[in-house]
């Protein structure tokens, strides 16, 4: 694999808690992942992305790290992780791991020392501020999980900043020692053989040093991506607590580190910044001296259809320039795409065509575990909820547990994930969609997705070719992908109705090996429901 394997690559996201339980405790673990890597490799993907498995009190399921250099006992050991990396590399899979460095757990030794006094060596490793004269927080910043972003600490008699839970204090990136400590922790994992990092909330590292108030969100501006209207966070324009300009220099330092390890990559999650997310993506990935690629939320919204995707692609080309995106339809934080986009579509046909669309765009792509099975969002009753976000905002918002339920490997009890009751229940609707059930069906979503991915590997235009939209195609999404070796016409029908698109250009070859049945007949593209056409152009 080339050093630029990530460019146009397909990354399979694994949520460790819910992938495979090897220890019969109802929780997925690293050995369980290793057991199933041959299945992942069979899909034809280029890499796996592991959500956090580090030592943590698990207030936010690993996104609250208390030791950046060790594996939580829940998931196994460092030796288990090394074995996982070795097996992945044997199978030609690269390994990307989450790095959650904008904040830590309040159980981290750094924070324990920082909160002990105002003059200890780590006193300013976190964001501390005095109260106003009336005792209230220093400004109006809000937590993404609801309420003030400031928590009072009785030992220092100061507030500390937390953009998420109160148990997730924000690190102070204005302190050079904090920046270096985070880079050193990343080096630790690079030395163990990881091939890259997915950087959680990469635009939240820095805060405004003057602690200025955020202005209210104007009525005509979009709410922050992924934030429900019932959350007061949606009522501010977050210009002082995220996407600060100082971030660029730190990203340059990070890139220098990555360049010491050829073939590694970074993908940054640019979240809750709808006003300038695309510009931020261009800024963070430009020049070859910062991030390799950025994770875009544009297709994680509820809107769907050809017109919506066209608008996203046009805005991207206009605002993001030559930025390299990493597209996704699902992840561990949003409702599964088979429900969010496909709730009114054929559940046996829509998932495969939506993923073909995703993997035909210019950029890299993330598949979330179970997405290749067409899993719908699971229903989790309130009494089984684990997600603090969902518990707080229930019932208007049910949280993230519905996309985090265990991977169904078979139609056995608990989906073959565990032999005991798992940490979240398996939705009964997932059992007939399990891996073993779909492996036995010739026309299953799983087999269709696998066929398409393995065909895509041999189409250079789909890996790193330019994308040019063809307008005036109605409900069909039509564009070309072009590189020196190939020019490809792509036409996709995400609807349950047949679509006919006039096309008078010359066609060199219509591909059929990908499994879709679109045709070129009498100067028009014929797209049956949920089908696509891929054709070489002269």
Protein backbone atom coordinates (compact mmCIF):
# COMPACT_ATOMS: atom_id res chain seq x y z
CA UNK A 1 0.00 0.00 0.00
CA UNK A 2 1.25 3.48 -0.84
CA UNK A 3 2.01 6.14 1.74
CA UNK A 4 -1.11 7.95 0.51
CA UNK A 5 -3.33 4.92 1.11
CA UNK A 6 -5.75 7.17 3.02
CA UNK A 7 -6.51 9.35 0.01
CA UNK A 8 -9.70 7.88 -1.37
CA UNK A 9 -9.49 5.05 1.15
CA UNK A 10 -12.41 3.46 2.99
CA UNK A 11 -12.22 3.43 6.78
CA UNK A 12 -14.37 1.07 8.84
CA UNK A 13 -15.30 2.54 12.23
CA UNK A 14 -15.42 0.10 15.13
CA UNK A 15 -17.10 1.01 18.41
CA UNK A 16 -15.20 -1.40 20.72
CA UNK A 17 -17.91 -1.74 23.38
CA UNK A 18 -20.33 -3.11 20.81
CA UNK A 19 -18.29 -5.07 18.27
CA UNK A 20 -17.53 -8.47 19.85
CA UNK A 21 -17.42 -9.74 23.42
CA UNK A 22 -14.64 -12.31 23.88
CA UNK A 23 -14.73 -12.37 27.69
CA UNK A 24 -18.40 -13.10 28.33
CA UNK A 25 -19.05 -9.95 30.32
CA UNK A 26 -21.49 -8.31 27.88
CA UNK A 27 -18.97 -5.69 26.72
CA UNK A 28 -16.96 -5.76 23.51
CA UNK A 29 -13.16 -5.80 23.80
CA UNK A 30 -9.93 -5.73 21.83
CA UNK A 31 -9.61 -9.52 21.56
CA UNK A 32 -13.14 -9.58 20.22
CA UNK A 33 -12.19 -7.08 17.53
CA UNK A 34 -9.12 -9.14 16.61
CA UNK A 35 -11.33 -12.23 16.25
CA UNK A 36 -13.44 -10.44 13.65
CA UNK A 37 -10.75 -8.66 11.62
CA UNK A 38 -10.89 -11.24 8.83
CA UNK A 39 -14.54 -10.31 8.34
CA UNK A 40 -13.62 -6.61 8.19
CA UNK A 41 -10.83 -7.33 5.70
CA UNK A 42 -13.27 -9.30 3.53
CA UNK A 43 -15.24 -6.10 2.98
CA UNK A 44 -12.29 -4.67 1.07
CA UNK A 45 -11.83 -1.62 3.32
CA UNK A 46 -8.42 -0.02 3.77
CA UNK A 47 -8.38 0.73 7.49
CA UNK A 48 -10.18 0.44 10.79
CA UNK A 49 -10.87 3.34 13.12
CA UNK A 50 -11.19 2.37 16.77
CA UNK A 51 -13.27 4.58 19.03
CA UNK A 52 -11.59 5.16 22.44
CA UNK A 53 -10.38 2.17 24.42
CA UNK A 54 -8.10 4.07 26.83
CA UNK A 55 -8.27 3.97 30.62
CA UNK A 56 -11.35 5.93 31.63
CA UNK A 57 -14.09 6.14 34.27
CA UNK A 58 -16.44 5.86 31.27
CA UNK A 59 -18.66 8.81 32.15
CA UNK A 60 -18.76 9.47 28.40
CA UNK A 61 -17.81 5.95 27.26
CA UNK A 62 -14.11 6.53 26.80
CA UNK A 63 -14.23 10.11 25.57
CA UNK A 64 -13.10 11.02 29.10
CA UNK A 65 -9.54 9.70 29.25
CA UNK A 66 -7.75 9.22 32.56
CA UNK A 67 -4.60 7.60 31.08
CA UNK A 68 -3.64 8.33 27.47
CA UNK A 69 -1.06 5.54 27.33
CA UNK A 70 -2.96 2.50 28.53
CA UNK A 71 -5.93 0.31 27.68
CA UNK A 72 -8.90 0.24 30.02
CA UNK A 73 -9.25 -3.12 31.78
CA UNK A 74 -12.75 -3.32 30.30
CA UNK A 75 -11.22 -3.72 26.83
CA UNK A 76 -8.10 -5.74 27.67
CA UNK A 77 -4.42 -4.82 27.81
CA UNK A 78 -1.67 -3.14 25.84
CA UNK A 79 -0.57 -6.60 24.72
CA UNK A 80 -4.07 -7.18 23.35
CA UNK A 81 -3.80 -3.93 21.43
CA UNK A 82 -0.40 -4.88 20.00
CA UNK A 83 -1.83 -8.23 18.88
CA UNK A 84 -4.73 -6.41 17.24
CA UNK A 85 -2.36 -4.14 15.30
CA UNK A 86 -0.25 -7.11 14.19
CA UNK A 87 -3.29 -9.01 12.94
CA UNK A 88 -4.68 -5.96 11.17
CA UNK A 89 -1.38 -5.38 9.37
CA UNK A 90 -1.21 -9.05 8.40
CA UNK A 91 -4.59 -8.54 6.73
CA UNK A 92 -3.43 -5.31 5.01
CA UNK A 93 -5.64 -3.19 7.25
CA UNK A 94 -4.31 0.08 8.64
CA UNK A 95 -5.22 1.04 12.22
CA UNK A 96 -6.50 4.51 13.13
CA UNK A 97 -7.28 5.31 16.75
CA UNK A 98 -9.20 8.15 18.38
CA UNK A 99 -7.29 10.90 20.14
CA UNK A 100 -9.41 12.88 22.61
CA UNK A 101 -7.05 15.66 23.58
CA UNK A 102 -9.23 18.76 23.87
CA UNK A 103 -10.20 17.55 27.36
CA UNK A 104 -9.43 14.75 29.77
CA UNK A 105 -11.28 13.00 32.56
CA UNK A 106 -11.34 14.73 35.95
CA UNK A 107 -9.74 11.48 37.17
CA UNK A 108 -6.58 12.09 35.12
CA UNK A 109 -3.50 12.71 37.28
CA UNK A 110 -2.96 15.99 35.45
CA UNK A 111 -6.28 17.36 36.62
CA UNK A 112 -5.94 16.00 40.13
CA UNK A 113 -2.72 17.97 40.48
CA UNK A 114 -4.09 21.03 38.69
CA UNK A 115 -7.09 21.40 40.98
CA UNK A 116 -5.07 20.93 44.16
CA UNK A 117 -3.84 24.55 44.27
CA UNK A 118 -3.29 27.66 42.18
CA UNK A 119 0.52 27.41 42.24
CA UNK A 120 1.40 23.74 41.56
CA UNK A 121 3.35 22.73 38.40
CA UNK A 122 0.15 21.87 36.53
CA UNK A 123 -1.99 24.69 37.91
CA UNK A 124 -2.58 26.14 34.44
CA UNK A 125 -2.78 22.89 32.47
CA UNK A 126 -6.56 23.33 32.46
CA UNK A 127 -8.77 26.36 31.85
CA UNK A 128 -9.40 28.04 35.20
CA UNK A 129 -11.08 31.41 35.77
CA UNK A 130 -12.22 33.53 38.69
CA UNK A 131 -15.92 34.14 39.17
CA UNK A 132 -17.57 37.46 38.50
CA UNK A 133 -18.11 39.69 41.54
CA UNK A 134 -21.54 38.15 42.09
CA UNK A 135 -20.09 34.62 42.09
CA UNK A 136 -21.47 33.62 38.70
CA UNK A 137 -19.34 32.00 35.95
CA UNK A 138 -16.84 34.16 34.08
CA UNK A 139 -18.84 34.23 30.85
CA UNK A 140 -21.88 32.80 29.07
CA UNK A 141 -20.27 29.77 27.39
CA UNK A 142 -22.43 26.64 27.32
CA UNK A 143 -21.67 22.93 27.45
CA UNK A 144 -22.68 20.74 24.53
CA UNK A 145 -24.34 18.48 27.10
CA UNK A 146 -26.54 21.27 28.49
CA UNK A 147 -26.12 24.16 30.91
CA UNK A 148 -23.09 26.27 31.73
CA UNK A 149 -19.65 25.22 30.46
CA UNK A 150 -18.18 26.25 33.83
CA UNK A 151 -18.01 24.16 37.00
CA UNK A 152 -17.13 25.59 40.44
CA UNK A 153 -14.25 23.98 42.29
CA UNK A 154 -14.14 24.55 46.05
CA UNK A 155 -10.42 23.86 46.45
CA UNK A 156 -9.20 26.58 44.10
CA UNK A 157 -12.33 28.70 44.50
CA UNK A 158 -12.37 29.07 40.74
CA UNK A 159 -14.39 27.76 37.82
CA UNK A 160 -12.97 25.30 35.30
CA UNK A 161 -14.12 24.99 31.69
CA UNK A 162 -15.83 21.86 30.41
CA UNK A 163 -17.28 21.85 26.89
CA UNK A 164 -18.85 18.47 27.62
CA UNK A 165 -19.62 16.80 30.98
CA UNK A 166 -18.44 18.40 34.21
CA UNK A 167 -16.15 15.38 34.55
CA UNK A 168 -14.43 16.33 31.25
CA UNK A 169 -12.34 19.44 32.05
CA UNK A 170 -10.82 21.25 29.07
CA UNK A 171 -7.07 21.32 28.70
CA UNK A 172 -5.36 24.68 28.30
CA UNK A 173 -3.68 24.62 24.89
CA UNK A 174 -2.27 28.11 25.45
CA UNK A 175 0.23 26.32 27.70
CA UNK A 176 3.15 24.92 25.60
CA UNK A 177 3.69 22.09 28.11
CA UNK A 178 0.14 20.86 27.46
CA UNK A 179 0.70 20.90 23.70
CA UNK A 180 3.94 18.94 24.02
CA UNK A 181 2.45 16.40 26.43
CA UNK A 182 -0.31 15.64 23.93
CA UNK A 183 2.18 15.22 21.09
CA UNK A 184 4.26 12.91 23.28
CA UNK A 185 1.20 10.76 23.95
CA UNK A 186 0.52 10.52 20.23
CA UNK A 187 4.13 9.47 19.63
CA UNK A 188 3.64 6.66 22.13
CA UNK A 189 0.93 5.11 19.94
CA UNK A 190 2.81 5.76 16.69
CA UNK A 191 5.74 3.83 18.15
CA UNK A 192 3.33 0.94 18.81
CA UNK A 193 2.51 0.85 15.11
CA UNK A 194 -0.74 2.76 14.66
CA UNK A 195 -1.24 4.24 11.19
CA UNK A 196 -3.09 7.38 12.11
CA UNK A 197 -5.43 9.29 14.37
CA UNK A 198 -9.02 10.41 14.25
CA UNK A 199 -8.92 13.66 16.19
CA UNK A 200 -12.00 14.22 18.29
CA UNK A 201 -13.36 17.80 18.27
CA UNK A 202 -10.23 19.09 16.55
CA UNK A 203 -11.59 22.65 16.46
CA UNK A 204 -12.17 22.83 20.23
CA UNK A 205 -8.54 22.71 21.36
CA UNK A 206 -8.17 26.42 21.98
CA UNK A 207 -10.43 28.91 23.74
CA UNK A 208 -10.46 32.69 23.63
CA UNK A 209 -7.86 33.79 26.17
CA UNK A 210 -9.94 36.89 27.00
CA UNK A 211 -13.01 34.72 27.79
CA UNK A 212 -15.34 36.97 25.80
CA UNK A 213 -19.07 36.18 25.74
CA UNK A 214 -20.52 34.38 22.73
CA UNK A 215 -23.23 36.34 20.89
CA UNK A 216 -26.73 34.89 20.42
CA UNK A 217 -27.36 32.86 17.28
CA UNK A 218 -29.21 34.95 14.66
CA UNK A 219 -32.58 33.51 13.69
CA UNK A 220 -31.51 33.01 10.07
CA UNK A 221 -28.38 30.99 10.86
CA UNK A 222 -28.24 27.18 11.14
CA UNK A 223 -27.89 25.51 14.51
CA UNK A 224 -24.60 23.75 15.31
CA UNK A 225 -24.35 20.42 13.52
CA UNK A 226 -25.74 17.48 15.45
CA UNK A 227 -27.13 19.66 18.26
CA UNK A 228 -30.83 19.22 18.98
CA UNK A 229 -32.98 22.37 19.18
CA UNK A 230 -33.93 21.52 22.77
CA UNK A 231 -30.29 22.02 23.79
CA UNK A 232 -29.54 25.64 24.84
CA UNK A 233 -26.12 25.25 23.17
CA UNK A 234 -27.98 25.75 19.88
CA UNK A 235 -28.83 29.34 20.84
CA UNK A 236 -25.32 30.76 20.68
CA UNK A 237 -22.89 31.59 17.89
CA UNK A 238 -19.80 29.87 19.23
CA UNK A 239 -17.06 32.16 18.02
CA UNK A 240 -15.01 32.34 21.23
CA UNK A 241 -14.99 28.77 22.56
CA UNK A 242 -14.20 26.90 19.33
CA UNK A 243 -12.39 27.22 15.98
CA UNK A 244 -9.88 29.70 17.33
CA UNK A 245 -7.06 30.82 14.99
CA UNK A 246 -4.32 29.64 17.37
CA UNK A 247 -5.26 26.07 16.47
CA UNK A 248 -3.39 26.23 13.17
CA UNK A 249 0.08 26.36 14.71
CA UNK A 250 -0.63 23.33 16.87
CA UNK A 251 -1.88 21.39 13.84
CA UNK A 252 1.39 22.23 12.09
CA UNK A 253 3.33 20.82 15.04
CA UNK A 254 1.17 17.71 14.90
CA UNK A 255 1.86 17.29 11.17
CA UNK A 256 5.61 17.51 11.79
CA UNK A 257 5.23 14.60 14.20
CA UNK A 258 3.19 12.58 11.71
CA UNK A 259 5.73 13.21 8.96
CA UNK A 260 8.31 11.38 11.09
CA UNK A 261 6.18 8.25 10.53
CA UNK A 262 5.68 7.87 6.74
CA UNK A 263 2.35 6.41 5.70
CA UNK A 264 0.44 7.69 8.73
CA UNK A 265 -2.53 10.02 8.53
CA UNK A 266 -4.83 12.31 10.50
CA UNK A 267 -8.53 12.94 10.10
CA UNK A 268 -9.96 15.78 12.15
CA UNK A 269 -13.54 15.98 13.38
CA UNK A 270 -14.68 19.56 12.79
CA UNK A 271 -17.85 19.73 14.84
CA UNK A 272 -20.57 22.17 15.92
CA UNK A 273 -19.39 24.92 13.56
CA UNK A 274 -22.06 25.21 10.85
CA UNK A 275 -21.23 28.81 10.00
CA UNK A 276 -17.78 28.04 8.64
CA UNK A 277 -17.22 24.26 8.75
CA UNK A 278 -16.28 23.98 5.07
CA UNK A 279 -13.94 26.97 5.26
CA UNK A 280 -12.46 25.46 8.41
CA UNK A 281 -11.92 22.18 6.57
CA UNK A 282 -10.00 24.02 3.84
CA UNK A 283 -8.01 25.95 6.43
CA UNK A 284 -7.12 22.86 8.49
CA UNK A 285 -6.06 20.68 5.52
CA UNK A 286 -4.44 23.21 3.17
CA UNK A 287 -0.77 23.42 2.32
CA UNK A 288 0.22 19.87 3.24
CA UNK A 289 1.43 21.03 6.67
CA UNK A 290 -1.62 20.45 8.90
CA UNK A 291 -4.30 17.73 8.84
CA UNK A 292 -4.33 15.17 6.02
CA UNK A 293 -8.13 15.20 5.85
CA UNK A 294 -11.16 16.42 7.74
CA UNK A 295 -14.28 14.59 8.81
CA UNK A 296 -17.35 16.32 7.43
CA UNK A 297 -20.80 16.32 9.06
CA UNK A 298 -22.64 17.45 5.92
CA UNK A 299 -24.11 14.01 5.17
CA UNK A 300 -24.87 13.25 8.82
CA UNK A 301 -27.88 15.58 8.75
CA UNK A 302 -31.50 14.47 8.26
CA UNK A 303 -31.86 15.90 4.76
CA UNK A 304 -31.32 13.53 1.84
CA UNK A 305 -31.93 13.07 -1.87
CA UNK A 306 -30.12 14.09 -5.05
CA UNK A 307 -30.79 17.80 -4.70
CA UNK A 308 -29.46 17.89 -1.15
CA UNK A 309 -26.28 16.00 -2.10
CA UNK A 310 -25.79 18.28 -5.11
CA UNK A 311 -26.05 21.33 -2.86
CA UNK A 312 -23.50 19.86 -0.42
CA UNK A 313 -21.06 19.12 -3.25
CA UNK A 314 -21.47 22.59 -4.78
CA UNK A 315 -20.91 24.30 -1.42
CA UNK A 316 -17.93 22.07 -0.78
CA UNK A 317 -16.31 22.92 -4.11
CA UNK A 318 -17.01 26.62 -3.62
CA UNK A 319 -15.80 26.95 -0.03
CA UNK A 320 -13.46 24.07 0.72
CA UNK A 321 -11.20 24.34 -2.32
CA UNK A 322 -8.73 21.46 -2.50
CA UNK A 323 -9.45 20.22 1.04
CA UNK A 324 -9.60 16.44 1.27
CA UNK A 325 -12.84 15.38 2.99
CA UNK A 326 -13.70 12.17 4.78
CA UNK A 327 -17.43 11.58 4.17
CA UNK A 328 -19.76 9.55 6.37
CA UNK A 329 -23.47 8.73 6.52
CA UNK A 330 -23.40 7.22 10.02
CA UNK A 331 -21.26 7.13 13.14
CA UNK A 332 -21.51 6.49 16.88
CA UNK A 333 -23.14 9.88 17.55
CA UNK A 334 -26.02 10.07 15.04
CA UNK A 335 -29.06 8.07 14.05
CA UNK A 336 -28.18 5.28 11.63
CA UNK A 337 -28.50 6.26 7.97
CA UNK A 338 -30.81 3.34 7.15
CA UNK A 339 -33.36 5.05 9.40
CA UNK A 340 -32.36 8.70 9.11
CA UNK A 341 -32.21 8.73 5.29
CA UNK A 342 -33.99 5.50 4.45
CA UNK A 343 -37.06 5.51 6.70
CA UNK A 344 -39.42 5.90 3.70
CA UNK A 345 -37.37 3.73 1.33
CA UNK A 346 -37.04 0.00 0.61
CA UNK A 347 -34.92 -1.29 3.52
CA UNK A 348 -33.50 -4.13 1.40
CA UNK A 349 -32.27 -1.90 -1.45
CA UNK A 350 -31.71 1.62 -0.14
CA UNK A 351 -28.72 0.99 2.18
CA UNK A 352 -26.50 -0.42 -0.58
CA UNK A 353 -27.17 2.39 -3.06
CA UNK A 354 -26.68 5.06 -0.38
CA UNK A 355 -23.27 3.58 0.47
CA UNK A 356 -22.36 3.33 -3.21
CA UNK A 357 -23.16 7.04 -3.47
CA UNK A 358 -21.00 7.78 -0.42
CA UNK A 359 -18.04 5.86 -1.82
CA UNK A 360 -18.36 7.51 -5.24
CA UNK A 361 -17.74 11.03 -3.96
CA UNK A 362 -14.38 12.76 -4.14
CA UNK A 363 -12.72 12.07 -0.82
CA UNK A 364 -12.28 9.23 1.63
CA UNK A 365 -15.22 7.45 3.25
CA UNK A 366 -16.09 6.08 6.68
CA UNK A 367 -18.39 3.09 7.14
CA UNK A 368 -19.78 2.61 10.63
CA UNK A 369 -20.02 -0.96 11.94
CA UNK A 370 -23.31 -2.56 10.88
CA UNK A 371 -23.89 0.00 8.16
CA UNK A 372 -22.85 -2.61 5.61
CA UNK A 373 -25.75 -4.72 6.96
CA UNK A 374 -28.32 -1.94 6.51
CA UNK A 375 -29.10 -1.90 10.24
CA UNK A 376 -31.88 0.50 11.25
CA UNK A 377 -31.60 2.63 14.38
CA UNK A 378 -32.22 0.41 17.40
CA UNK A 379 -34.99 1.18 19.86
CA UNK A 380 -33.62 1.35 23.40
CA UNK A 381 -36.13 1.78 26.24
CA UNK A 382 -35.48 4.58 28.71
CA UNK A 383 -34.68 2.17 31.54
CA UNK A 384 -31.82 0.69 29.45
CA UNK A 385 -30.31 4.01 28.35
CA UNK A 386 -26.61 4.48 29.12
CA UNK A 387 -25.87 7.75 27.30
CA UNK A 388 -25.88 10.74 29.70
CA UNK A 389 -26.73 13.01 26.78
CA UNK A 390 -29.87 11.00 25.98
CA UNK A 391 -30.92 10.68 29.63
CA UNK A 392 -30.66 14.46 30.08
CA UNK A 393 -32.67 15.41 27.00
CA UNK A 394 -35.22 12.55 26.96
CA UNK A 395 -37.82 12.30 25.42
CA UNK A 396 -37.31 15.07 22.83
CA UNK A 397 -33.91 13.59 22.10
CA UNK A 398 -33.18 9.93 22.81
CA UNK A 399 -29.42 10.20 22.74
CA UNK A 400 -26.85 8.05 21.00
CA UNK A 401 -27.51 4.56 22.37
CA UNK A 402 -29.68 3.55 19.41
CA UNK A 403 -26.69 3.56 17.07
CA UNK A 404 -24.35 1.93 19.60
CA UNK A 405 -26.13 -1.38 20.23
CA UNK A 406 -24.12 -4.60 19.71
CA UNK A 407 -23.11 -5.79 16.25
CA UNK A 408 -25.35 -8.75 15.23
CA UNK A 409 -23.14 -11.59 14.06
CA UNK A 410 -25.89 -14.22 13.94
CA UNK A 411 -29.56 -14.68 14.80
CA UNK A 412 -28.62 -16.41 18.08
CA UNK A 413 -29.34 -14.89 21.48
CA UNK A 414 -27.88 -11.38 21.75
CA UNK A 415 -27.00 -11.55 18.07
CA UNK A 416 -23.97 -13.74 18.70
CA UNK A 417 -22.23 -10.72 20.23
CA UNK A 418 -22.15 -12.20 23.74
CA UNK A 419 -23.43 -15.20 25.68
CA UNK A 420 -24.65 -12.93 28.51
CA UNK A 421 -26.91 -9.88 28.53
CA UNK A 422 -24.96 -7.12 26.72
CA UNK A 423 -24.44 -3.58 27.99
CA UNK A 424 -27.11 -2.41 25.54
CA UNK A 425 -29.90 -4.65 24.24
CA UNK A 426 -29.83 -6.10 20.72
CA UNK A 427 -32.82 -4.92 18.71
CA UNK A 428 -34.84 -7.94 17.52
CA UNK A 429 -35.08 -6.35 14.06
CA UNK A 430 -31.31 -6.69 13.72
CA UNK A 431 -31.24 -10.50 14.02
CA UNK A 432 -32.44 -11.31 10.47
CA UNK A 433 -29.91 -8.73 9.21
CA UNK A 434 -26.97 -10.36 11.00
CA UNK A 435 -23.69 -11.17 9.28
CA UNK A 436 -24.31 -14.92 9.09
CA UNK A 437 -27.83 -14.47 7.77
CA UNK A 438 -26.71 -12.05 5.05
CA UNK A 439 -23.69 -14.12 4.05
CA UNK A 440 -26.16 -16.85 3.05
CA UNK A 441 -28.29 -14.53 0.88
CA UNK A 442 -26.99 -13.79 -2.60
CA UNK A 443 -28.69 -10.41 -2.90
CA UNK A 444 -28.11 -9.17 0.65
CA UNK A 445 -26.94 -5.67 1.52
CA UNK A 446 -23.72 -7.11 2.94
CA UNK A 447 -22.80 -8.94 -0.23
CA UNK A 448 -23.77 -5.97 -2.40
CA UNK A 449 -21.60 -3.58 -0.39
CA UNK A 450 -18.65 -5.98 -0.40
CA UNK A 451 -18.95 -6.44 -4.17
CA UNK A 452 -19.03 -2.70 -4.78
CA UNK A 453 -16.04 -1.94 -2.53
CA UNK A 454 -13.88 -4.58 -4.18
CA UNK A 455 -14.85 -3.30 -7.65
CA UNK A 456 -14.15 0.30 -6.60
CA UNK A 457 -10.55 -0.57 -5.70
CA UNK A 458 -9.78 -0.94 -9.42
CA UNK A 459 -11.35 2.36 -10.55
CA UNK A 460 -8.65 5.03 -10.20
CA UNK A 461 -11.14 7.83 -10.91
CA UNK A 462 -13.14 6.84 -7.81
CA UNK A 463 -10.03 6.85 -5.64
CA UNK A 464 -8.65 10.33 -6.22
CA UNK A 465 -10.26 11.76 -9.38
CA UNK A 466 -11.81 15.20 -9.62
CA UNK A 467 -15.61 15.48 -9.38
CA UNK A 468 -17.76 17.56 -11.72
CA UNK A 469 -21.52 17.71 -11.29
CA UNK A 470 -23.90 17.41 -14.22
CA UNK A 471 -26.85 19.73 -13.65
CA UNK A 472 -30.49 19.35 -14.68
CA UNK A 473 -30.77 15.65 -13.81
CA UNK A 474 -33.71 15.91 -11.37
CA UNK A 475 -33.95 13.09 -8.86
CA UNK A 476 -30.84 11.42 -10.29
CA UNK A 477 -27.43 12.38 -8.93
CA UNK A 478 -25.08 12.53 -11.92
CA UNK A 479 -21.43 13.55 -12.06
CA UNK A 480 -18.09 12.62 -13.58
CA UNK A 481 -14.93 11.52 -11.78
CA UNK A 482 -11.73 12.15 -13.73
CA UNK A 483 -8.04 11.42 -13.35
CA UNK A 484 -5.19 10.76 -15.81
CA UNK A 485 -6.01 7.06 -16.11
CA UNK A 486 -9.82 7.17 -16.26
CA UNK A 487 -12.87 9.34 -16.79
CA UNK A 488 -16.00 7.86 -15.26
CA UNK A 489 -19.66 8.83 -15.58
CA UNK A 490 -21.63 8.17 -12.36
CA UNK A 491 -25.43 8.23 -12.17
CA UNK A 492 -27.24 7.28 -8.95
CA UNK A 493 -30.92 6.80 -8.16
CA UNK A 494 -31.66 7.03 -4.42
CA UNK A 495 -35.43 6.73 -4.98
CA UNK A 496 -37.93 3.90 -5.37
CA UNK A 497 -39.00 5.08 -8.85
CA UNK A 498 -37.31 4.48 -12.20
CA UNK A 499 -35.49 7.54 -13.57
CA UNK A 500 -34.53 8.30 -17.16
CA UNK A 501 -31.85 10.92 -17.78
CA UNK A 502 -31.12 12.22 -21.31
CA UNK A 503 -27.45 11.84 -22.18
CA UNK A 504 -26.04 12.43 -25.66
CA UNK A 505 -22.35 12.07 -24.89
CA UNK A 506 -20.25 9.14 -26.05
CA UNK A 507 -19.95 6.11 -23.77
CA UNK A 508 -16.89 3.91 -23.93
CA UNK A 509 -17.86 1.09 -21.56
CA UNK A 510 -20.68 0.47 -19.09
CA UNK A 511 -19.38 -1.35 -16.01
CA UNK A 512 -21.44 -4.23 -14.63
CA UNK A 513 -19.05 -5.86 -12.13
CA UNK A 514 -20.18 -3.61 -9.26
CA UNK A 515 -23.62 -5.24 -9.00
CA UNK A 516 -25.88 -2.33 -10.01
CA UNK A 517 -28.12 -2.47 -13.08
CA UNK A 518 -28.26 1.02 -14.55
CA UNK A 519 -28.11 1.03 -18.38
CA UNK A 520 -27.42 3.37 -21.27
CA UNK A 521 -30.17 3.01 -23.89
CA UNK A 522 -31.17 5.27 -26.81
CA UNK A 523 -29.26 8.35 -25.65
CA UNK A 524 -30.52 8.16 -22.11
CA UNK A 525 -29.44 6.71 -18.81
CA UNK A 526 -31.98 4.26 -17.44
CA UNK A 527 -31.87 3.91 -13.66
CA UNK A 528 -34.25 1.38 -12.04
CA UNK A 529 -35.18 2.03 -8.38
CA UNK A 530 -32.13 2.20 -6.08
CA UNK A 531 -29.69 1.53 -8.91
CA UNK A 532 -26.63 3.18 -10.40
CA UNK A 533 -24.69 3.39 -13.64
CA UNK A 534 -20.92 3.63 -13.90
CA UNK A 535 -19.49 4.09 -17.39
CA UNK A 536 -16.06 4.90 -18.79
CA UNK A 537 -15.97 7.98 -20.99
CA UNK A 538 -13.50 8.60 -23.85
